[in-house]
PDB file of N, CA and C in Angstrom:
ATOM      1  N   ASN A   1     111.435  68.459  51.303  1.00  0.00           N
ATOM      2  CA  ASN A   1     112.132  67.523  50.171  1.00  0.00           C
ATOM      3  C   ASN A   1     111.383  66.673  49.286  1.00  0.00           C
ATOM      4  N   PRO A   2     111.162  66.598  48.235  1.00  0.00           N
ATOM      5  CA  PRO A   2     110.235  66.057  47.486  1.00  0.00           C
ATOM      6  C   PRO A   2     110.850  64.487  47.224  1.00  0.00           C
ATOM      7  N   ASP A   3     111.740  63.880  48.038  1.00  0.00           N
ATOM      8  CA  ASP A   3     111.438  62.395  48.603  1.00  0.00           C
ATOM      9  C   ASP A   3     110.549  62.316  49.542  1.00  0.00           C
ATOM     10  N   CYS A   4     110.665  63.180  50.379  1.00  0.00           N
ATOM     11  CA  CYS A   4     109.723  62.612  51.595  1.00  0.00           C
ATOM     12  C   CYS A   4     108.241  62.899  51.170  1.00  0.00           C
ATOM     13  N   ILE A   5     108.051  63.600  50.538  1.00  0.00           N
ATOM     14  CA  ILE A   5     106.715  63.816  50.059  1.00  0.00           C
ATOM     15  C   ILE A   5     106.433  62.481  49.734  1.00  0.00           C
ATOM     16  N   ILE A   6     106.969  61.946  48.573  1.00  0.00           N
ATOM     17  CA  ILE A   6     106.571  60.656  48.041  1.00  0.00           C
ATOM     18  C   ILE A   6     106.563  59.864  49.078  1.00  0.00           C
ATOM     19  N   HIS A   7     107.590  59.643  50.197  1.00  0.00           N
ATOM     20  CA  HIS A   7     107.572  58.480  51.007  1.00  0.00           C
ATOM     21  C   HIS A   7     106.201  58.542  51.936  1.00  0.00           C
ATOM     22  N   PHE A   8     105.905  60.052  52.590  1.00  0.00           N
ATOM     23  CA  PHE A   8     104.465  60.156  52.989  1.00  0.00           C
ATOM     24  C   PHE A   8     103.532  59.917  52.217  1.00  0.00           C
ATOM     25  N   LYS A   9     103.359  60.146  50.874  1.00  0.00           N
ATOM     26  CA  LYS A   9     102.269  59.919  50.129  1.00  0.00           C
ATOM     27  C   LYS A   9     101.683  58.187  50.496  1.00  0.00           C
ATOM     28  N   LYS A  10     102.873  57.652  50.602  1.00  0.00           N
ATOM     29  CA  LYS A  10     102.319  56.437  50.820  1.00  0.00           C
ATOM     30  C   LYS A  10     101.586  55.963  52.193  1.00  0.00           C
ATOM     31  N   CYS A  11     101.651  57.107  53.095  1.00  0.00           N
ATOM     32  CA  CYS A  11     100.925  56.947  54.601  1.00  0.00           C
ATOM     33  C   CYS A  11      99.754  57.261  54.408  1.00  0.00           C
ATOM     34  N   ILE A  12      99.463  58.095  53.403  1.00  0.00           N
ATOM     35  CA  ILE A  12      97.978  58.951  53.827  1.00  0.00           C
ATOM     36  C   ILE A  12      96.836  58.502  54.455  1.00  0.00           C
ATOM     37  N   PHE A  13      96.615  57.249  53.842  1.00  0.00           N
ATOM     38  CA  PHE A  13      95.260  56.508  54.608  1.00  0.00           C
ATOM     39  C   PHE A  13      95.575  56.017  56.107  1.00  0.00           C
ATOM     40  N   ASN A  14      96.758  55.746  56.567  1.00  0.00           N
ATOM     41  CA  ASN A  14      97.126  55.824  57.872  1.00  0.00           C
ATOM     42  C   ASN A  14      97.197  56.946  58.714  1.00  0.00           C
ATOM     43  N   LEU A  15      97.653  58.125  57.803  1.00  0.00           N
ATOM     44  CA  LEU A  15      97.068  59.343  58.512  1.00  0.00           C
ATOM     45  C   LEU A  15      95.631  59.713  58.818  1.00  0.00           C
ATOM     46  N   LEU A  16      95.325  59.387  57.798  1.00  0.00           N
ATOM     47  CA  LEU A  16      93.771  59.753  57.424  1.00  0.00           C
ATOM     48  C   LEU A  16      93.061  58.771  58.893  1.00  0.00           C
ATOM     49  N   ARG A  17      93.625  57.848  58.502  1.00  0.00           N
ATOM     50  CA  ARG A  17      92.710  56.885  59.900  1.00  0.00           C
ATOM     51  C   ARG A  17      93.045  57.430  61.387  1.00  0.00           C
ATOM     52  N   VAL A  18      94.451  57.959  61.668  1.00  0.00           N
ATOM     53  CA  VAL A  18      94.544  58.470  62.954  1.00  0.00           C
ATOM     54  C   VAL A  18      93.892  59.671  62.968  1.00  0.00           C
ATOM     55  N   LEU A  19      93.567  60.249  62.206  1.00  0.00           N
ATOM     56  CA  LEU A  19      92.817  61.516  62.149  1.00  0.00           C
ATOM     57  C   LEU A  19      91.725  61.274  62.605  1.00  0.00           C
ATOM     58  N   LYS A  20      90.978  60.466  62.246  1.00  0.00           N
ATOM     59  CA  LYS A  20      89.687  60.005  62.420  1.00  0.00           C
ATOM     60  C   LYS A  20      89.454  59.760  63.686  1.00  0.00           C
ATOM     61  N   ASN A  21      90.207  58.779  64.289  1.00  0.00           N
ATOM     62  CA  ASN A  21      90.547  58.179  65.500  1.00  0.00           C
ATOM     63  C   ASN A  21      90.594  59.364  66.340  1.00  0.00           C
ATOM     64  N   LEU A  22      91.286  59.975  66.448  1.00  0.00           N
ATOM     65  CA  LEU A  22      91.425  61.273  67.228  1.00  0.00           C
ATOM     66  C   LEU A  22      90.095  62.254  67.193  1.00  0.00           C
ATOM     67  N   ILE A  23      89.108  62.127  65.886  1.00  0.00           N
ATOM     68  CA  ILE A  23      88.064  63.062  66.207  1.00  0.00           C
ATOM     69  C   ILE A  23      86.893  62.171  66.954  1.00  0.00           C
ATOM     70  N   MET A  24      86.846  61.256  66.686  1.00  0.00           N
ATOM     71  CA  MET A  24      85.964  60.002  66.924  1.00  0.00           C
ATOM     72  C   MET A  24      85.898  59.695  68.431  1.00  0.00           C
ATOM     73  N   ALA A  25      87.420  59.673  68.765  1.00  0.00           N
ATOM     74  CA  ALA A  25      87.506  58.912  70.188  1.00  0.00           C
ATOM     75  C   ALA A  25      86.723  59.396  71.593  1.00  0.00           C
ATOM     76  N   GLY A  26      86.657  58.824  72.443  1.00  0.00           N
ATOM     77  CA  GLY A  26      86.036  59.247  73.541  1.00  0.00           C
ATOM     78  C   GLY A  26      86.837  60.125  74.376  1.00  0.00           C
ATOM     79  N   TYR A  27      86.775  60.161  75.434  1.00  0.00           N
ATOM     80  CA  TYR A  27      87.353  60.965  76.085  1.00  0.00           C
ATOM     81  C   TYR A  27      88.759  60.478  76.896  1.00  0.00           C
ATOM     82  N   SER A  28      90.235  61.097  76.606  1.00  0.00           N
ATOM     83  CA  SER A  28      91.447  60.497  77.075  1.00  0.00           C
ATOM     84  C   SER A  28      92.261  61.605  77.831  1.00  0.00           C
ATOM     85  N   PRO A  29      91.778  61.275  79.183  1.00  0.00           N
ATOM     86  CA  PRO A  29      92.693  62.382  79.824  1.00  0.00           C
ATOM     87  C   PRO A  29      93.828  62.938  79.991  1.00  0.00           C
ATOM     88  N   GLU A  30      94.990  62.032  79.369  1.00  0.00           N
ATOM     89  CA  GLU A  30      96.137  62.150  79.150  1.00  0.00           C
ATOM     90  C   GLU A  30      96.753  63.073  77.907  1.00  0.00           C
ATOM     91  N   HIS A  31      95.476  62.888  76.905  1.00  0.00           N
ATOM     92  CA  HIS A  31      95.548  63.598  75.747  1.00  0.00           C
ATOM     93  C   HIS A  31      94.537  65.080  75.636  1.00  0.00           C
ATOM     94  N   ASP A  32      93.891  65.519  76.593  1.00  0.00           N
ATOM     95  CA  ASP A  32      92.858  66.121  76.567  1.00  0.00           C
ATOM     96  C   ASP A  32      93.454  67.384  76.936  1.00  0.00           C
ATOM     97  N   VAL A  33      92.821  68.551  75.800  1.00  0.00           N
ATOM     98  CA  VAL A  33      93.052  69.856  75.948  1.00  0.00           C
ATOM     99  C   VAL A  33      91.465  70.350  75.908  1.00  0.00           C
ATOM    100  N   ALA A  34      91.178  70.795  76.870  1.00  0.00           N
ATOM    101  CA  ALA A  34      89.930  71.485  76.934  1.00  0.00           C
ATOM    102  C   ALA A  34      88.719  70.877  76.369  1.00  0.00           C
ATOM    103  N   GLY A  35      88.538  69.557  76.774  1.00  0.00           N
ATOM    104  CA  GLY A  35      87.591  68.599  75.699  1.00  0.00           C
ATOM    105  C   GLY A  35      87.960  68.140  74.425  1.00  0.00           C
ATOM    106  N   CYS A  36      89.051  68.061  73.913  1.00  0.00           N
ATOM    107  CA  CYS A  36      89.378  67.987  72.636  1.00  0.00           C
ATOM    108  C   CYS A  36      90.638  67.108  72.442  1.00  0.00           C
ATOM    109  N   SER A  37      90.296  66.136  72.153  1.00  0.00           N
ATOM    110  CA  SER A  37      91.566  65.020  71.988  1.00  0.00           C
ATOM    111  C   SER A  37      92.978  65.208  71.427  1.00  0.00           C
ATOM    112  N   ASP A  38      93.809  65.464  71.981  1.00  0.00           N
ATOM    113  CA  ASP A  38      95.115  66.250  71.320  1.00  0.00           C
ATOM    114  C   ASP A  38      94.811  66.798  70.236  1.00  0.00           C
ATOM    115  N   PRO A  39      94.472  68.260  70.691  1.00  0.00           N
ATOM    116  CA  PRO A  39      94.423  69.414  69.374  1.00  0.00           C
ATOM    117  C   PRO A  39      96.129  69.329  68.840  1.00  0.00           C
ATOM    118  N   PHE A  40      97.216  69.041  69.273  1.00  0.00           N
ATOM    119  CA  PHE A  40      98.459  69.469  68.744  1.00  0.00           C
ATOM    120  C   PHE A  40      98.540  68.583  67.576  1.00  0.00           C
ATOM    121  N   LEU A  41      98.388  67.458  67.957  1.00  0.00           N
ATOM    122  CA  LEU A  41      98.637  65.976  67.047  1.00  0.00           C
ATOM    123  C   LEU A  41      97.773  66.405  65.935  1.00  0.00           C
ATOM    124  N   GLN A  42      96.078  66.339  66.052  1.00  0.00           N
ATOM    125  CA  GLN A  42      95.418  67.331  65.032  1.00  0.00           C
ATOM    126  C   GLN A  42      96.037  68.137  64.209  1.00  0.00           C
ATOM    127  N   VAL A  43      96.356  69.225  64.592  1.00  0.00           N
ATOM    128  CA  VAL A  43      96.995  70.367  63.687  1.00  0.00           C
ATOM    129  C   VAL A  43      97.875  69.844  62.937  1.00  0.00           C
ATOM    130  N   GLN A  44      99.165  69.114  63.416  1.00  0.00           N
ATOM    131  CA  GLN A  44     100.392  68.483  62.580  1.00  0.00           C
ATOM    132  C   GLN A  44      99.774  67.733  61.865  1.00  0.00           C
ATOM    133  N   LEU A  45      98.891  66.615  61.863  1.00  0.00           N
ATOM    134  CA  LEU A  45      98.562  65.887  60.989  1.00  0.00           C
ATOM    135  C   LEU A  45      97.803  66.601  59.611  1.00  0.00           C
ATOM    136  N   LEU A  46      96.746  67.695  60.061  1.00  0.00           N
ATOM    137  CA  LEU A  46      96.518  68.701  59.013  1.00  0.00           C
ATOM    138  C   LEU A  46      97.410  69.315  58.325  1.00  0.00           C
ATOM    139  N   ARG A  47      98.218  69.657  58.747  1.00  0.00           N
ATOM    140  CA  ARG A  47      99.408  70.437  58.147  1.00  0.00           C
ATOM    141  C   ARG A  47     100.194  69.659  57.357  1.00  0.00           C
ATOM    142  N   LEU A  48     100.202  68.556  57.495  1.00  0.00           N
ATOM    143  CA  LEU A  48     100.995  67.363  56.870  1.00  0.00           C
ATOM    144  C   LEU A  48     100.041  66.579  55.534  1.00  0.00           C
ATOM    145  N   LEU A  49      98.721  66.738  55.970  1.00  0.00           N
ATOM    146  CA  LEU A  49      97.753  66.631  54.821  1.00  0.00           C
ATOM    147  C   LEU A  49      97.778  67.523  53.511  1.00  0.00           C
ATOM    148  N   ALA A  50      97.803  68.631  54.162  1.00  0.00           N
ATOM    149  CA  ALA A  50      98.143  70.064  53.712  1.00  0.00           C
ATOM    150  C   ALA A  50      98.942  69.687  52.194  1.00  0.00           C
ATOM    151  N   ILE A  51     100.200  69.624  53.010  1.00  0.00           N
ATOM    152  CA  ILE A  51     101.405  69.400  52.202  1.00  0.00           C
ATOM    153  C   ILE A  51     101.019  68.325  50.861  1.00  0.00           C
ATOM    154  N   LEU A  52     100.805  66.957  51.399  1.00  0.00           N
ATOM    155  CA  LEU A  52     100.553  66.190  50.844  1.00  0.00           C
ATOM    156  C   LEU A  52      99.545  65.921  49.842  1.00  0.00           C
ATOM    157  N   GLY A  53      98.374  66.436  49.888  1.00  0.00           N
ATOM    158  CA  GLY A  53      97.359  66.965  48.845  1.00  0.00           C
ATOM    159  C   GLY A  53      97.685  67.783  47.999  1.00  0.00           C
ATOM    160  N   LYS A  54      98.746  68.782  48.143  1.00  0.00           N
ATOM    161  CA  LYS A  54      98.311  69.974  47.103  1.00  0.00           C
ATOM    162  C   LYS A  54      99.096  69.239  45.732  1.00  0.00           C
ATOM    163  N   GLY A  55      98.013  69.547  44.998  1.00  0.00           N
ATOM    164  CA  GLY A  55      98.226  69.296  43.797  1.00  0.00           C
ATOM    165  C   GLY A  55      98.261  67.575  43.453  1.00  0.00           C
ATOM    166  N   ASP A  56      97.623  66.987  44.069  1.00  0.00           N
ATOM    167  CA  ASP A  56      97.533  65.408  43.909  1.00  0.00           C
ATOM    168  C   ASP A  56      95.946  65.052  44.220  1.00  0.00           C
ATOM    169  N   ALA A  57      94.997  64.975  43.177  1.00  0.00           N
ATOM    170  CA  ALA A  57      93.783  64.802  43.073  1.00  0.00           C
ATOM    171  C   ALA A  57      93.826  63.568  43.682  1.00  0.00           C
ATOM    172  N   GLU A  58      94.137  62.653  43.728  1.00  0.00           N
ATOM    173  CA  GLU A  58      94.251  61.559  44.231  1.00  0.00           C
ATOM    174  C   GLU A  58      93.917  61.429  45.425  1.00  0.00           C
ATOM    175  N   ALA A  59      94.852  62.291  45.981  1.00  0.00           N
ATOM    176  CA  ALA A  59      95.342  62.034  47.497  1.00  0.00           C
ATOM    177  C   ALA A  59      94.120  62.970  48.320  1.00  0.00           C
ATOM    178  N   SER A  60      93.861  64.136  47.374  1.00  0.00           N
ATOM    179  CA  SER A  60      92.674  65.032  47.644  1.00  0.00           C
ATOM    180  C   SER A  60      91.254  64.026  47.987  1.00  0.00           C
ATOM    181  N   GLU A  61      91.277  63.580  47.060  1.00  0.00           N
ATOM    182  CA  GLU A  61      90.061  62.602  47.346  1.00  0.00           C
ATOM    183  C   GLU A  61      89.727  61.996  48.397  1.00  0.00           C
ATOM    184  N   GLN A  62      90.746  60.949  48.784  1.00  0.00           N
ATOM    185  CA  GLN A  62      90.985  60.553  49.970  1.00  0.00           C
ATOM    186  C   GLN A  62      90.334  61.428  51.317  1.00  0.00           C
ATOM    187  N   MET A  63      91.263  62.632  51.081  1.00  0.00           N
ATOM    188  CA  MET A  63      91.032  63.303  52.368  1.00  0.00           C
ATOM    189  C   MET A  63      89.543  63.879  52.753  1.00  0.00           C
ATOM    190  N   ASN A  64      89.090  64.344  51.481  1.00  0.00           N
ATOM    191  CA  ASN A  64      87.409  65.209  51.429  1.00  0.00           C
ATOM    192  C   ASN A  64      86.771  64.513  52.771  1.00  0.00           C
ATOM    193  N   ASP A  65      86.462  63.266  52.807  1.00  0.00           N
ATOM    194  CA  ASP A  65      85.506  62.685  53.776  1.00  0.00           C
ATOM    195  C   ASP A  65      85.854  62.905  55.363  1.00  0.00           C
ATOM    196  N   ILE A  66      87.134  63.070  55.488  1.00  0.00           N
ATOM    197  CA  ILE A  66      87.874  63.012  56.905  1.00  0.00           C
ATOM    198  C   ILE A  66      87.611  64.752  57.187  1.00  0.00           C
ATOM    199  N   LEU A  67      88.173  65.326  56.144  1.00  0.00           N
ATOM    200  CA  LEU A  67      88.328  66.781  56.691  1.00  0.00           C
ATOM    201  C   LEU A  67      87.081  67.651  57.019  1.00  0.00           C
ATOM    202  N   ALA A  68      85.925  66.901  56.003  1.00  0.00           N
ATOM    203  CA  ALA A  68      84.192  67.196  56.343  1.00  0.00           C
ATOM    204  C   ALA A  68      83.904  66.785  57.576  1.00  0.00           C
ATOM    205  N   GLN A  69      84.236  65.756  58.337  1.00  0.00           N
ATOM    206  CA  GLN A  69      83.898  65.096  59.697  1.00  0.00           C
ATOM    207  C   GLN A  69      84.631  66.259  60.546  1.00  0.00           C
ATOM    208  N   VAL A  70      85.842  66.791  60.380  1.00  0.00           N
ATOM    209  CA  VAL A  70      86.816  67.622  61.190  1.00  0.00           C
ATOM    210  C   VAL A  70      85.746  68.908  61.171  1.00  0.00           C
ATOM    211  N   ALA A  71      85.800  69.091  60.059  1.00  0.00           N
ATOM    212  CA  ALA A  71      85.175  70.439  60.051  1.00  0.00           C
ATOM    213  C   ALA A  71      83.616  70.537  61.021  1.00  0.00           C
ATOM    214  N   THR A  72      82.738  69.576  60.902  1.00  0.00           N
ATOM    215  CA  THR A  72      81.650  69.417  61.325  1.00  0.00           C
ATOM    216  C   THR A  72      81.588  69.025  62.714  1.00  0.00           C
ATOM    217  N   ASN A  73      82.493  68.153  63.013  1.00  0.00           N
ATOM    218  CA  ASN A  73      82.699  67.325  64.487  1.00  0.00           C
ATOM    219  C   ASN A  73      83.320  68.456  65.684  1.00  0.00           C
ATOM    220  N   THR A  74      83.976  69.443  64.829  1.00  0.00           N
ATOM    221  CA  THR A  74      84.902  69.984  65.940  1.00  0.00           C
ATOM    222  C   THR A  74      84.322  71.312  67.157  1.00  0.00           C
ATOM    223  N   GLU A  75      84.503  71.009  68.244  1.00  0.00           N
ATOM    224  CA  GLU A  75      84.067  71.945  69.007  1.00  0.00           C
ATOM    225  C   GLU A  75      84.489  73.216  68.939  1.00  0.00           C
ATOM    226  N   THR A  76      83.702  74.276  68.514  1.00  0.00           N
ATOM    227  CA  THR A  76      84.341  75.436  68.366  1.00  0.00           C
ATOM    228  C   THR A  76      84.018  76.622  69.295  1.00  0.00           C
ATOM    229  N   SER A  77      83.661  75.996  70.321  1.00  0.00           N
ATOM    230  CA  SER A  77      82.843  77.231  71.576  1.00  0.00           C
ATOM    231  C   SER A  77      84.286  77.501  72.353  1.00  0.00           C
ATOM    232  N   LYS A  78      85.440  76.743  71.871  1.00  0.00           N
ATOM    233  CA  LYS A  78      86.911  76.851  72.781  1.00  0.00           C
ATOM    234  C   LYS A  78      87.637  77.329  72.005  1.00  0.00           C
ATOM    235  N   ASN A  79      88.846  78.025  72.357  1.00  0.00           N
ATOM    236  CA  ASN A  79      90.131  78.080  71.486  1.00  0.00           C
ATOM    237  C   ASN A  79      90.805  76.901  70.782  1.00  0.00           C
ATOM    238  N   VAL A  80      90.593  75.702  71.348  1.00  0.00           N
ATOM    239  CA  VAL A  80      91.230  74.552  70.962  1.00  0.00           C
ATOM    240  C   VAL A  80      90.739  74.279  69.748  1.00  0.00           C
ATOM    241  N   GLY A  81      89.552  74.312  69.593  1.00  0.00           N
ATOM    242  CA  GLY A  81      88.553  73.979  68.569  1.00  0.00           C
ATOM    243  C   GLY A  81      88.673  74.956  67.369  1.00  0.00           C
ATOM    244  N   ASN A  82      88.555  75.926  67.880  1.00  0.00           N
ATOM    245  CA  ASN A  82      88.717  77.041  66.607  1.00  0.00           C
ATOM    246  C   ASN A  82      90.396  76.769  65.907  1.00  0.00           C
ATOM    247  N   ALA A  83      91.077  76.657  66.704  1.00  0.00           N
ATOM    248  CA  ALA A  83      92.557  76.236  66.138  1.00  0.00           C
ATOM    249  C   ALA A  83      92.412  75.450  65.200  1.00  0.00           C
ATOM    250  N   ILE A  84      91.872  74.059  65.763  1.00  0.00           N
ATOM    251  CA  ILE A  84      91.709  72.862  64.390  1.00  0.00           C
ATOM    252  C   ILE A  84      90.698  73.531  63.325  1.00  0.00           C
ATOM    253  N   LEU A  85      89.852  73.712  63.787  1.00  0.00           N
ATOM    254  CA  LEU A  85      88.997  74.379  62.379  1.00  0.00           C
ATOM    255  C   LEU A  85      89.800  75.227  61.426  1.00  0.00           C
ATOM    256  N   TYR A  86      90.301  76.050  62.171  1.00  0.00           N
ATOM    257  CA  TYR A  86      91.060  77.328  61.121  1.00  0.00           C
ATOM    258  C   TYR A  86      92.078  76.285  60.393  1.00  0.00           C
ATOM    259  N   GLN A  87      93.016  75.604  61.061  1.00  0.00           N
ATOM    260  CA  GLN A  87      93.756  74.279  59.939  1.00  0.00           C
ATOM    261  C   GLN A  87      93.321  73.738  59.156  1.00  0.00           C
ATOM    262  N   THR A  88      91.979  73.024  59.306  1.00  0.00           N
ATOM    263  CA  THR A  88      91.184  72.374  58.551  1.00  0.00           C
ATOM    264  C   THR A  88      90.883  73.117  57.134  1.00  0.00           C
ATOM    265  N   VAL A  89      90.409  74.386  57.740  1.00  0.00           N
ATOM    266  CA  VAL A  89      89.866  75.334  56.710  1.00  0.00           C
ATOM    267  C   VAL A  89      91.387  75.623  55.747  1.00  0.00           C
ATOM    268  N   LEU A  90      92.475  75.807  56.093  1.00  0.00           N
ATOM    269  CA  LEU A  90      93.747  75.863  55.361  1.00  0.00           C
ATOM    270  C   LEU A  90      93.858  74.786  54.718  1.00  0.00           C
ATOM    271  N   THR A  91      93.860  73.385  55.393  1.00  0.00           N
ATOM    272  CA  THR A  91      93.823  72.229  54.495  1.00  0.00           C
ATOM    273  C   THR A  91      93.174  72.018  53.227  1.00  0.00           C
ATOM    274  N   ILE A  92      91.981  72.421  53.281  1.00  0.00           N
ATOM    275  CA  ILE A  92      90.606  72.543  52.528  1.00  0.00           C
ATOM    276  C   ILE A  92      90.961  73.368  51.494  1.00  0.00           C
ATOM    277  N   MET A  93      91.366  74.522  51.644  1.00  0.00           N
ATOM    278  CA  MET A  93      91.656  75.663  50.611  1.00  0.00           C
ATOM    279  C   MET A  93      92.976  75.351  49.761  1.00  0.00           C
ATOM    280  N   VAL A  94      94.299  74.540  50.520  1.00  0.00           N
ATOM    281  CA  VAL A  94      95.460  74.139  49.538  1.00  0.00           C
ATOM    282  C   VAL A  94      95.214  72.931  48.846  1.00  0.00           C
ATOM    283  N   ILE A  95      94.409  72.109  49.245  1.00  0.00           N
ATOM    284  CA  ILE A  95      94.275  70.507  48.516  1.00  0.00           C
ATOM    285  C   ILE A  95      93.217  70.876  47.101  1.00  0.00           C
ATOM    286  N   ASP A  96      93.018  69.799  46.331  1.00  0.00           N
ATOM    287  CA  ASP A  96      91.818  69.847  45.486  1.00  0.00           C
ATOM    288  C   ASP A  96      90.770  69.437  45.777  1.00  0.00           C
ATOM    289  N   ALA A  97      89.971  70.125  46.940  1.00  0.00           N
ATOM    290  CA  ALA A  97      88.842  69.916  47.468  1.00  0.00           C
ATOM    291  C   ALA A  97      87.506  69.622  46.660  1.00  0.00           C
ATOM    292  N   GLU A  98      86.706  68.925  46.965  1.00  0.00           N
ATOM    293  CA  GLU A  98      85.481  68.910  46.028  1.00  0.00           C
ATOM    294  C   GLU A  98      84.892  70.649  46.765  1.00  0.00           C
ATOM    295  N   SER A  99      83.725  71.273  45.612  1.00  0.00           N
ATOM    296  CA  SER A  99      83.779  72.333  45.447  1.00  0.00           C
ATOM    297  C   SER A  99      82.807  72.207  46.612  1.00  0.00           C
ATOM    298  N   GLY A 100      81.774  71.320  47.078  1.00  0.00           N
ATOM    299  CA  GLY A 100      80.801  71.510  48.248  1.00  0.00           C
ATOM    300  C   GLY A 100      81.873  71.463  49.750  1.00  0.00           C
ATOM    301  N   LEU A 101      82.971  70.916  49.731  1.00  0.00           N
ATOM    302  CA  LEU A 101      83.708  71.564  50.812  1.00  0.00           C
ATOM    303  C   LEU A 101      84.175  72.543  50.996  1.00  0.00           C
ATOM    304  N   ARG A 102      84.608  73.733  49.976  1.00  0.00           N
ATOM    305  CA  ARG A 102      85.141  74.702  50.296  1.00  0.00           C
ATOM    306  C   ARG A 102      83.772  75.387  50.619  1.00  0.00           C
TER     307      ARG A 102
END
């Protein structure tokens, strides 16, 4: 729904801050899955960011740094990390990301 997209585009900064906090957060046993902080929330945030950043250069510009951090800081030795990395790559390919990020 286009009205929802307009509403959530106002929240991109806050969504990115939540995602960054999840990546940089220390150990939280109630949300930990195989050493990764709340991977389900991370994947859902990445999906939402892909929808919000599609065709929007300004929103995509805001996302570039955080997506690069997700891609480099995610532990890929476990399935949970691979799921987050996969969704990160899908998000990067959908938005108008920098060529260096692709």
